[in-house]
């Protein structure tokens, strides 16, 4: 038996969670599960979440989606924000449960209320998604700003889109560009494409063709399809020297 698996007279849950985390980080999920499981049965919500996630994804154990969902539901009910987010994702994707966007949104909301940035971002996206019958652009903006405060670039990009398209706010191209620039500097390809387009057209910012092309080059490298359209238009009006300068800027670290 490995020494850290030897039962202790009065085990410290925090210490055990730490050891389990180290095991999981090294890819030894089987050991991590053996450490989490007693804590999960004892009611430790984060351990319950971790067991559920491992079962749902087949990490260190055979995949068992039904049991994984039970553990996640228990952990979410015990207030664990990561479990709430994981359970929301399961309902959204239909993993282990039938797809249910209403339940997904409910659990994302619970995690978002606890300050989970990823859940805030996803909730914001769902509230602004055209296929969602419960659209609420104002609330989407609120959650996007909360996630943006935690550095979530996708939410910064969404804020820019909401301002650009006058969704829940008055149209403000300048504010849109401010938010796209923040997300672009964090490497978000969608924001880089939108910032490049804004700089090319002078929408909410001073027109800067070379800067525009440099951002469009970055966006293309990141797989953004919109960037290709603006990129071709930018090339048509630029000298080879300007293009070379833009390419040099695009290679610089963010």
C-alpha atoms as a PDB file:
ATOM      1  CA  UNK A   1       0.000   0.000   0.000  1.00  0.00           C
ATOM      2  CA  UNK A   2       1.251   3.477  -0.841  1.00  0.00           C
ATOM      3  CA  UNK A   3       2.090   5.400   2.330  1.00  0.00           C
ATOM      4  CA  UNK A   4      -0.434   8.185   1.664  1.00  0.00           C
ATOM      5  CA  UNK A   5      -3.201   5.551   1.492  1.00  0.00           C
ATOM      6  CA  UNK A   6      -2.498   4.255   4.997  1.00  0.00           C
ATOM      7  CA  UNK A   7      -5.553   5.039   7.182  1.00  0.00           C
ATOM      8  CA  UNK A   8      -4.886   7.715   9.776  1.00  0.00           C
ATOM      9  CA  UNK A   9      -6.404   7.872  13.238  1.00  0.00           C
ATOM     10  CA  UNK A  10      -7.882  11.310  12.559  1.00  0.00           C
ATOM     11  CA  UNK A  11      -7.480  12.118   8.873  1.00  0.00           C
ATOM     12  CA  UNK A  12      -7.453  15.769   7.857  1.00  0.00           C
ATOM     13  CA  UNK A  13      -9.867  16.277   4.899  1.00  0.00           C
ATOM     14  CA  UNK A  14      -7.915  19.294   3.653  1.00  0.00           C
ATOM     15  CA  UNK A  15      -4.674  17.306   3.648  1.00  0.00           C
ATOM     16  CA  UNK A  16      -6.335  14.370   1.920  1.00  0.00           C
ATOM     17  CA  UNK A  17      -7.866  16.650  -0.729  1.00  0.00           C
ATOM     18  CA  UNK A  18      -4.415  18.112  -1.320  1.00  0.00           C
ATOM     19  CA  UNK A  19      -2.852  14.698  -1.793  1.00  0.00           C
ATOM     20  CA  UNK A  20      -5.686  13.626  -4.081  1.00  0.00           C
ATOM     21  CA  UNK A  21      -5.243  16.795  -6.124  1.00  0.00           C
ATOM     22  CA  UNK A  22      -1.550  16.082  -6.573  1.00  0.00           C
ATOM     23  CA  UNK A  23      -2.330  12.546  -7.691  1.00  0.00           C
ATOM     24  CA  UNK A  24      -4.922  13.789 -10.187  1.00  0.00           C
ATOM     25  CA  UNK A  25      -2.536  16.450 -11.507  1.00  0.00           C
ATOM     26  CA  UNK A  26       0.000  13.720 -12.216  1.00  0.00           C
ATOM     27  CA  UNK A  27      -2.617  11.675 -14.086  1.00  0.00           C
ATOM     28  CA  UNK A  28      -3.059   9.088 -11.321  1.00  0.00           C
ATOM     29  CA  UNK A  29      -6.831   9.351 -11.097  1.00  0.00           C
ATOM     30  CA  UNK A  30      -7.211   5.898  -9.576  1.00  0.00           C
ATOM     31  CA  UNK A  31      -5.262   7.000  -6.504  1.00  0.00           C
ATOM     32  CA  UNK A  32      -7.133  10.301  -6.430  1.00  0.00           C
ATOM     33  CA  UNK A  33     -10.471   8.489  -6.479  1.00  0.00           C
ATOM     34  CA  UNK A  34      -9.412   6.210  -3.624  1.00  0.00           C
ATOM     35  CA  UNK A  35      -8.667   9.327  -1.578  1.00  0.00           C
ATOM     36  CA  UNK A  36     -11.761  11.272  -2.598  1.00  0.00           C
ATOM     37  CA  UNK A  37     -14.270   8.454  -2.150  1.00  0.00           C
ATOM     38  CA  UNK A  38     -14.300   8.268   1.691  1.00  0.00           C
ATOM     39  CA  UNK A  39     -14.588  12.054   1.832  1.00  0.00           C
ATOM     40  CA  UNK A  40     -17.400  11.997  -0.716  1.00  0.00           C
ATOM     41  CA  UNK A  41     -19.323   9.494   1.406  1.00  0.00           C
ATOM     42  CA  UNK A  42     -18.661  11.715   4.414  1.00  0.00           C
ATOM     43  CA  UNK A  43     -20.338  14.640   2.660  1.00  0.00           C
ATOM     44  CA  UNK A  44     -17.403  16.673   1.336  1.00  0.00           C
ATOM     45  CA  UNK A  45     -18.993  18.381  -1.659  1.00  0.00           C
ATOM     46  CA  UNK A  46     -15.822  18.995  -3.692  1.00  0.00           C
ATOM     47  CA  UNK A  47     -14.830  15.331  -3.318  1.00  0.00           C
ATOM     48  CA  UNK A  48     -18.329  14.374  -4.487  1.00  0.00           C
ATOM     49  CA  UNK A  49     -17.886  16.594  -7.529  1.00  0.00           C
ATOM     50  CA  UNK A  50     -14.507  15.080  -8.321  1.00  0.00           C
ATOM     51  CA  UNK A  51     -15.821  11.527  -8.088  1.00  0.00           C
ATOM     52  CA  UNK A  52     -18.748  12.467 -10.313  1.00  0.00           C
ATOM     53  CA  UNK A  53     -16.499  14.081 -12.911  1.00  0.00           C
ATOM     54  CA  UNK A  54     -14.201  11.048 -12.999  1.00  0.00           C
ATOM     55  CA  UNK A  55     -17.126   8.660 -13.458  1.00  0.00           C
ATOM     56  CA  UNK A  56     -18.674  10.847 -16.135  1.00  0.00           C
ATOM     57  CA  UNK A  57     -15.414  11.051 -18.090  1.00  0.00           C
ATOM     58  CA  UNK A  58     -13.950   7.617 -17.359  1.00  0.00           C
ATOM     59  CA  UNK A  59     -10.897   8.992 -15.540  1.00  0.00           C
ATOM     60  CA  UNK A  60      -9.227   6.373 -13.341  1.00  0.00           C
ATOM     61  CA  UNK A  61     -12.308   4.199 -13.481  1.00  0.00           C
ATOM     62  CA  UNK A  62     -14.814   2.759 -15.917  1.00  0.00           C
ATOM     63  CA  UNK A  63     -17.177   5.347 -17.345  1.00  0.00           C
ATOM     64  CA  UNK A  64     -20.472   5.305 -15.445  1.00  0.00           C
ATOM     65  CA  UNK A  65     -22.487   8.339 -16.492  1.00  0.00           C
ATOM     66  CA  UNK A  66     -25.540   7.572 -14.366  1.00  0.00           C
ATOM     67  CA  UNK A  67     -23.561   7.276 -11.139  1.00  0.00           C
ATOM     68  CA  UNK A  68     -21.426  10.247 -12.126  1.00  0.00           C
ATOM     69  CA  UNK A  69     -24.535  12.403 -12.518  1.00  0.00           C
ATOM     70  CA  UNK A  70     -25.782  11.254  -9.100  1.00  0.00           C
ATOM     71  CA  UNK A  71     -22.549  12.382  -7.456  1.00  0.00           C
ATOM     72  CA  UNK A  72     -22.580  15.696  -9.310  1.00  0.00           C
ATOM     73  CA  UNK A  73     -26.210  16.278  -8.339  1.00  0.00           C
ATOM     74  CA  UNK A  74     -25.393  15.556  -4.700  1.00  0.00           C
ATOM     75  CA  UNK A  75     -22.387  17.881  -4.759  1.00  0.00           C
ATOM     76  CA  UNK A  76     -24.366  20.606  -6.522  1.00  0.00           C
ATOM     77  CA  UNK A  77     -27.110  20.283  -3.938  1.00  0.00           C
ATOM     78  CA  UNK A  78     -24.464  20.682  -1.250  1.00  0.00           C
ATOM     79  CA  UNK A  79     -23.483  23.993  -2.812  1.00  0.00           C
ATOM     80  CA  UNK A  80     -20.299  23.132  -4.691  1.00  0.00           C
ATOM     81  CA  UNK A  81     -20.011  25.658  -7.526  1.00  0.00           C
ATOM     82  CA  UNK A  82     -17.761  23.455  -9.662  1.00  0.00           C
ATOM     83  CA  UNK A  83     -20.309  20.648  -9.424  1.00  0.00           C
ATOM     84  CA  UNK A  84     -23.074  23.062 -10.366  1.00  0.00           C
ATOM     85  CA  UNK A  85     -21.104  24.127 -13.409  1.00  0.00           C
ATOM     86  CA  UNK A  86     -20.218  20.523 -14.329  1.00  0.00           C
ATOM     87  CA  UNK A  87     -23.833  19.442 -13.954  1.00  0.00           C
ATOM     88  CA  UNK A  88     -24.964  22.384 -16.070  1.00  0.00           C
ATOM     89  CA  UNK A  89     -22.542  21.315 -18.803  1.00  0.00           C
ATOM     90  CA  UNK A  90     -23.869  17.747 -18.613  1.00  0.00           C
ATOM     91  CA  UNK A  91     -27.440  18.953 -19.120  1.00  0.00           C
ATOM     92  CA  UNK A  92     -26.372  21.307 -21.891  1.00  0.00           C
ATOM     93  CA  UNK A  93     -24.482  18.592 -23.801  1.00  0.00           C
ATOM     94  CA  UNK A  94     -26.763  15.689 -22.856  1.00  0.00           C
ATOM     95  CA  UNK A  95     -23.976  13.716 -21.157  1.00  0.00           C
ATOM     96  CA  UNK A  96     -25.448  11.167 -18.741  1.00  0.00           C
ATOM     97  CA  UNK A  97     -28.791  12.961 -18.829  1.00  0.00           C
ATOM     98  CA  UNK A  98     -31.200  13.998 -21.595  1.00  0.00           C
ATOM     99  CA  UNK A  99     -30.313  17.445 -22.993  1.00  0.00           C
ATOM    100  CA  UNK A 100     -32.157  20.106 -21.016  1.00  0.00           C
ATOM    101  CA  UNK A 101     -31.130  23.726 -21.601  1.00  0.00           C
ATOM    102  CA  UNK A 102     -33.491  24.953 -18.900  1.00  0.00           C
ATOM    103  CA  UNK A 103     -31.769  22.810 -16.267  1.00  0.00           C
ATOM    104  CA  UNK A 104     -28.392  23.753 -17.709  1.00  0.00           C
ATOM    105  CA  UNK A 105     -29.217  27.431 -17.351  1.00  0.00           C
ATOM    106  CA  UNK A 106     -30.496  26.903 -13.813  1.00  0.00           C
ATOM    107  CA  UNK A 107     -27.287  25.216 -12.664  1.00  0.00           C
ATOM    108  CA  UNK A 108     -25.083  27.708 -14.495  1.00  0.00           C
ATOM    109  CA  UNK A 109     -27.032  30.359 -12.652  1.00  0.00           C
ATOM    110  CA  UNK A 110     -26.358  28.761  -9.269  1.00  0.00           C
ATOM    111  CA  UNK A 111     -22.631  28.567 -10.003  1.00  0.00           C
ATOM    112  CA  UNK A 112     -22.591  32.092 -11.428  1.00  0.00           C
ATOM    113  CA  UNK A 113     -24.177  33.457  -8.258  1.00  0.00           C
ATOM    114  CA  UNK A 114     -21.250  31.936  -6.363  1.00  0.00           C
ATOM    115  CA  UNK A 115     -18.778  33.828  -8.524  1.00  0.00           C
ATOM    116  CA  UNK A 116     -17.743  31.090 -10.946  1.00  0.00           C
ATOM    117  CA  UNK A 117     -16.348  32.943 -13.965  1.00  0.00           C
ATOM    118  CA  UNK A 118     -16.820  30.109 -16.451  1.00  0.00           C
ATOM    119  CA  UNK A 119     -20.445  29.690 -15.378  1.00  0.00           C
ATOM    120  CA  UNK A 120     -21.021  33.438 -15.607  1.00  0.00           C
ATOM    121  CA  UNK A 121     -19.654  33.421 -19.142  1.00  0.00           C
ATOM    122  CA  UNK A 122     -21.781  30.468 -20.220  1.00  0.00           C
ATOM    123  CA  UNK A 123     -24.899  31.909 -18.604  1.00  0.00           C
ATOM    124  CA  UNK A 124     -24.277  35.193 -20.398  1.00  0.00           C
ATOM    125  CA  UNK A 125     -23.935  33.338 -23.694  1.00  0.00           C
ATOM    126  CA  UNK A 126     -27.174  31.417 -23.155  1.00  0.00           C
ATOM    127  CA  UNK A 127     -29.075  34.595 -22.289  1.00  0.00           C
ATOM    128  CA  UNK A 128     -27.923  36.216 -25.538  1.00  0.00           C
ATOM    129  CA  UNK A 129     -28.249  33.141 -27.776  1.00  0.00           C
ATOM    130  CA  UNK A 130     -30.839  33.530 -30.515  1.00  0.00           C
ATOM    131  CA  UNK A 131     -32.210  30.008 -30.002  1.00  0.00           C
ATOM    132  CA  UNK A 132     -32.953  30.582 -26.317  1.00  0.00           C
ATOM    133  CA  UNK A 133     -36.628  31.414 -25.670  1.00  0.00           C
ATOM    134  CA  UNK A 134     -35.611  33.248 -22.489  1.00  0.00           C
ATOM    135  CA  UNK A 135     -33.423  35.877 -24.117  1.00  0.00           C
ATOM    136  CA  UNK A 136     -32.399  38.697 -21.799  1.00  0.00           C
ATOM    137  CA  UNK A 137     -29.675  40.877 -23.279  1.00  0.00           C
ATOM    138  CA  UNK A 138     -29.503  43.139 -20.255  1.00  0.00           C
ATOM    139  CA  UNK A 139     -28.914  40.224 -17.909  1.00  0.00           C
ATOM    140  CA  UNK A 140     -26.482  38.718 -20.409  1.00  0.00           C
ATOM    141  CA  UNK A 141     -24.467  41.933 -20.248  1.00  0.00           C
ATOM    142  CA  UNK A 142     -24.512  41.878 -16.443  1.00  0.00           C
ATOM    143  CA  UNK A 143     -23.111  38.350 -16.281  1.00  0.00           C
ATOM    144  CA  UNK A 144     -20.626  39.021 -19.079  1.00  0.00           C
ATOM    145  CA  UNK A 145     -19.246  41.963 -17.119  1.00  0.00           C
ATOM    146  CA  UNK A 146     -18.994  39.816 -13.990  1.00  0.00           C
ATOM    147  CA  UNK A 147     -17.014  37.195 -15.919  1.00  0.00           C
ATOM    148  CA  UNK A 148     -14.907  39.862 -17.606  1.00  0.00           C
ATOM    149  CA  UNK A 149     -13.852  41.142 -14.181  1.00  0.00           C
ATOM    150  CA  UNK A 150     -12.370  37.677 -13.644  1.00  0.00           C
ATOM    151  CA  UNK A 151     -10.457  37.845 -16.901  1.00  0.00           C
ATOM    152  CA  UNK A 152     -12.759  35.725 -19.094  1.00  0.00           C
ATOM    153  CA  UNK A 153     -11.902  36.921 -22.606  1.00  0.00           C
ATOM    154  CA  UNK A 154     -14.967  35.402 -24.293  1.00  0.00           C
ATOM    155  CA  UNK A 155     -17.209  37.547 -22.105  1.00  0.00           C
ATOM    156  CA  UNK A 156     -15.230  40.655 -23.005  1.00  0.00           C
ATOM    157  CA  UNK A 157     -15.823  39.837 -26.655  1.00  0.00           C
ATOM    158  CA  UNK A 158     -19.537  39.337 -25.991  1.00  0.00           C
ATOM    159  CA  UNK A 159     -19.784  42.703 -24.254  1.00  0.00           C
ATOM    160  CA  UNK A 160     -18.318  44.254 -27.378  1.00  0.00           C
ATOM    161  CA  UNK A 161     -20.901  42.501 -29.529  1.00  0.00           C
ATOM    162  CA  UNK A 162     -23.768  43.614 -27.291  1.00  0.00           C
ATOM    163  CA  UNK A 163     -22.634  47.241 -27.588  1.00  0.00           C
ATOM    164  CA  UNK A 164     -21.969  46.878 -31.303  1.00  0.00           C
ATOM    165  CA  UNK A 165     -25.409  45.415 -32.031  1.00  0.00           C
ATOM    166  CA  UNK A 166     -27.378  47.512 -29.498  1.00  0.00           C
ATOM    167  CA  UNK A 167     -28.515  44.413 -27.603  1.00  0.00           C
ATOM    168  CA  UNK A 168     -29.700  45.419 -24.131  1.00  0.00           C
ATOM    169  CA  UNK A 169     -27.840  48.748 -24.420  1.00  0.00           C
ATOM    170  CA  UNK A 170     -27.686  51.689 -26.793  1.00  0.00           C
ATOM    171  CA  UNK A 171     -25.376  51.134 -29.742  1.00  0.00           C
ATOM    172  CA  UNK A 172     -21.867  52.292 -28.841  1.00  0.00           C
ATOM    173  CA  UNK A 173     -19.134  51.372 -31.354  1.00  0.00           C
ATOM    174  CA  UNK A 174     -16.446  52.982 -29.200  1.00  0.00           C
ATOM    175  CA  UNK A 175     -17.324  50.839 -26.182  1.00  0.00           C
ATOM    176  CA  UNK A 176     -17.466  47.788 -28.430  1.00  0.00           C
ATOM    177  CA  UNK A 177     -13.939  48.474 -29.620  1.00  0.00           C
ATOM    178  CA  UNK A 178     -12.685  48.999 -26.059  1.00  0.00           C
ATOM    179  CA  UNK A 179     -13.929  45.573 -25.019  1.00  0.00           C
ATOM    180  CA  UNK A 180     -12.695  43.865 -28.182  1.00  0.00           C
ATOM    181  CA  UNK A 181      -9.252  45.321 -27.598  1.00  0.00           C
ATOM    182  CA  UNK A 182      -9.182  43.909 -24.053  1.00  0.00           C
ATOM    183  CA  UNK A 183     -10.166  40.443 -25.256  1.00  0.00           C
ATOM    184  CA  UNK A 184      -7.886  40.613 -28.302  1.00  0.00           C
ATOM    185  CA  UNK A 185      -4.889  41.255 -26.072  1.00  0.00           C
ATOM    186  CA  UNK A 186      -5.808  38.089 -24.154  1.00  0.00           C
ATOM    187  CA  UNK A 187      -5.699  36.089 -27.389  1.00  0.00           C
ATOM    188  CA  UNK A 188      -9.406  35.756 -28.209  1.00  0.00           C
ATOM    189  CA  UNK A 189      -9.574  35.237 -31.984  1.00  0.00           C
ATOM    190  CA  UNK A 190     -13.155  36.500 -32.302  1.00  0.00           C
ATOM    191  CA  UNK A 191     -12.233  39.757 -30.578  1.00  0.00           C
ATOM    192  CA  UNK A 192      -9.128  40.085 -32.732  1.00  0.00           C
ATOM    193  CA  UNK A 193     -11.262  39.771 -35.856  1.00  0.00           C
ATOM    194  CA  UNK A 194     -13.814  42.326 -34.674  1.00  0.00           C
ATOM    195  CA  UNK A 195     -11.117  44.745 -33.526  1.00  0.00           C
ATOM    196  CA  UNK A 196      -9.348  44.345 -36.860  1.00  0.00           C
ATOM    197  CA  UNK A 197     -12.575  45.086 -38.708  1.00  0.00           C
ATOM    198  CA  UNK A 198     -13.252  48.134 -36.529  1.00  0.00           C
ATOM    199  CA  UNK A 199      -9.746  49.491 -37.111  1.00  0.00           C
ATOM    200  CA  UNK A 200     -10.034  48.881 -40.833  1.00  0.00           C
ATOM    201  CA  UNK A 201     -13.394  50.671 -41.097  1.00  0.00           C
ATOM    202  CA  UNK A 202     -12.814  53.310 -38.435  1.00  0.00           C
ATOM    203  CA  UNK A 203     -15.868  52.107 -36.493  1.00  0.00           C
ATOM    204  CA  UNK A 204     -15.672  53.556 -32.994  1.00  0.00           C
ATOM    205  CA  UNK A 205     -11.902  54.034 -33.333  1.00  0.00           C
ATOM    206  CA  UNK A 206      -9.481  55.975 -35.497  1.00  0.00           C
ATOM    207  CA  UNK A 207      -8.859  54.088 -38.720  1.00  0.00           C
ATOM    208  CA  UNK A 208      -5.490  52.289 -38.574  1.00  0.00           C
ATOM    209  CA  UNK A 209      -5.045  49.941 -41.562  1.00  0.00           C
ATOM    210  CA  UNK A 210      -1.714  48.449 -40.461  1.00  0.00           C
ATOM    211  CA  UNK A 211      -2.933  47.721 -36.936  1.00  0.00           C
ATOM    212  CA  UNK A 212      -6.142  46.376 -38.423  1.00  0.00           C
ATOM    213  CA  UNK A 213      -4.297  43.927 -40.636  1.00  0.00           C
ATOM    214  CA  UNK A 214      -2.055  42.780 -37.784  1.00  0.00           C
ATOM    215  CA  UNK A 215      -5.109  41.860 -35.689  1.00  0.00           C
ATOM    216  CA  UNK A 216      -6.772  40.156 -38.639  1.00  0.00           C
ATOM    217  CA  UNK A 217      -3.635  38.076 -39.190  1.00  0.00           C
ATOM    218  CA  UNK A 218      -3.775  36.972 -35.545  1.00  0.00           C
ATOM    219  CA  UNK A 219      -7.488  36.192 -35.859  1.00  0.00           C
ATOM    220  CA  UNK A 220      -6.914  34.114 -38.982  1.00  0.00           C
ATOM    221  CA  UNK A 221      -4.216  32.127 -37.192  1.00  0.00           C
ATOM    222  CA  UNK A 222      -6.723  31.529 -34.402  1.00  0.00           C
ATOM    223  CA  UNK A 223      -9.247  30.076 -36.843  1.00  0.00           C
ATOM    224  CA  UNK A 224     -11.717  32.951 -37.035  1.00  0.00           C
ATOM    225  CA  UNK A 225     -13.545  32.760 -40.374  1.00  0.00           C
ATOM    226  CA  UNK A 226     -14.796  36.354 -40.374  1.00  0.00           C
ATOM    227  CA  UNK A 227     -11.206  37.570 -40.370  1.00  0.00           C
ATOM    228  CA  UNK A 228     -10.614  36.101 -43.843  1.00  0.00           C
ATOM    229  CA  UNK A 229     -13.199  38.426 -45.430  1.00  0.00           C
ATOM    230  CA  UNK A 230     -11.764  41.585 -43.894  1.00  0.00           C
ATOM    231  CA  UNK A 231      -8.214  40.386 -44.471  1.00  0.00           C
ATOM    232  CA  UNK A 232      -8.678  40.210 -48.238  1.00  0.00           C
ATOM    233  CA  UNK A 233     -10.208  43.676 -48.269  1.00  0.00           C
ATOM    234  CA  UNK A 234      -7.354  45.087 -46.204  1.00  0.00           C
ATOM    235  CA  UNK A 235      -4.710  43.638 -48.498  1.00  0.00           C
ATOM    236  CA  UNK A 236      -6.249  45.240 -51.558  1.00  0.00           C
ATOM    237  CA  UNK A 237      -5.605  48.760 -50.291  1.00  0.00           C
ATOM    238  CA  UNK A 238      -2.161  48.312 -48.732  1.00  0.00           C
ATOM    239  CA  UNK A 239       1.372  48.515 -50.033  1.00  0.00           C
ATOM    240  CA  UNK A 240       3.767  45.580 -49.672  1.00  0.00           C
ATOM    241  CA  UNK A 241       5.682  47.616 -47.070  1.00  0.00           C
ATOM    242  CA  UNK A 242       2.529  48.128 -45.001  1.00  0.00           C
ATOM    243  CA  UNK A 243       1.679  44.451 -45.216  1.00  0.00           C
ATOM    244  CA  UNK A 244       5.182  43.527 -44.060  1.00  0.00           C
ATOM    245  CA  UNK A 245       4.869  45.898 -41.092  1.00  0.00           C
ATOM    246  CA  UNK A 246       1.502  44.386 -40.146  1.00  0.00           C
ATOM    247  CA  UNK A 247       2.963  40.889 -40.339  1.00  0.00           C
ATOM    248  CA  UNK A 248       5.813  41.957 -38.047  1.00  0.00           C
ATOM    249  CA  UNK A 249       3.328  43.385 -35.518  1.00  0.00           C
ATOM    250  CA  UNK A 250       1.301  40.179 -35.650  1.00  0.00           C
ATOM    251  CA  UNK A 251       4.347  38.149 -34.654  1.00  0.00           C
ATOM    252  CA  UNK A 252       5.000  40.188 -31.539  1.00  0.00           C
ATOM    253  CA  UNK A 253       3.916  38.656 -28.210  1.00  0.00           C
ATOM    254  CA  UNK A 254       0.639  39.932 -26.805  1.00  0.00           C
END
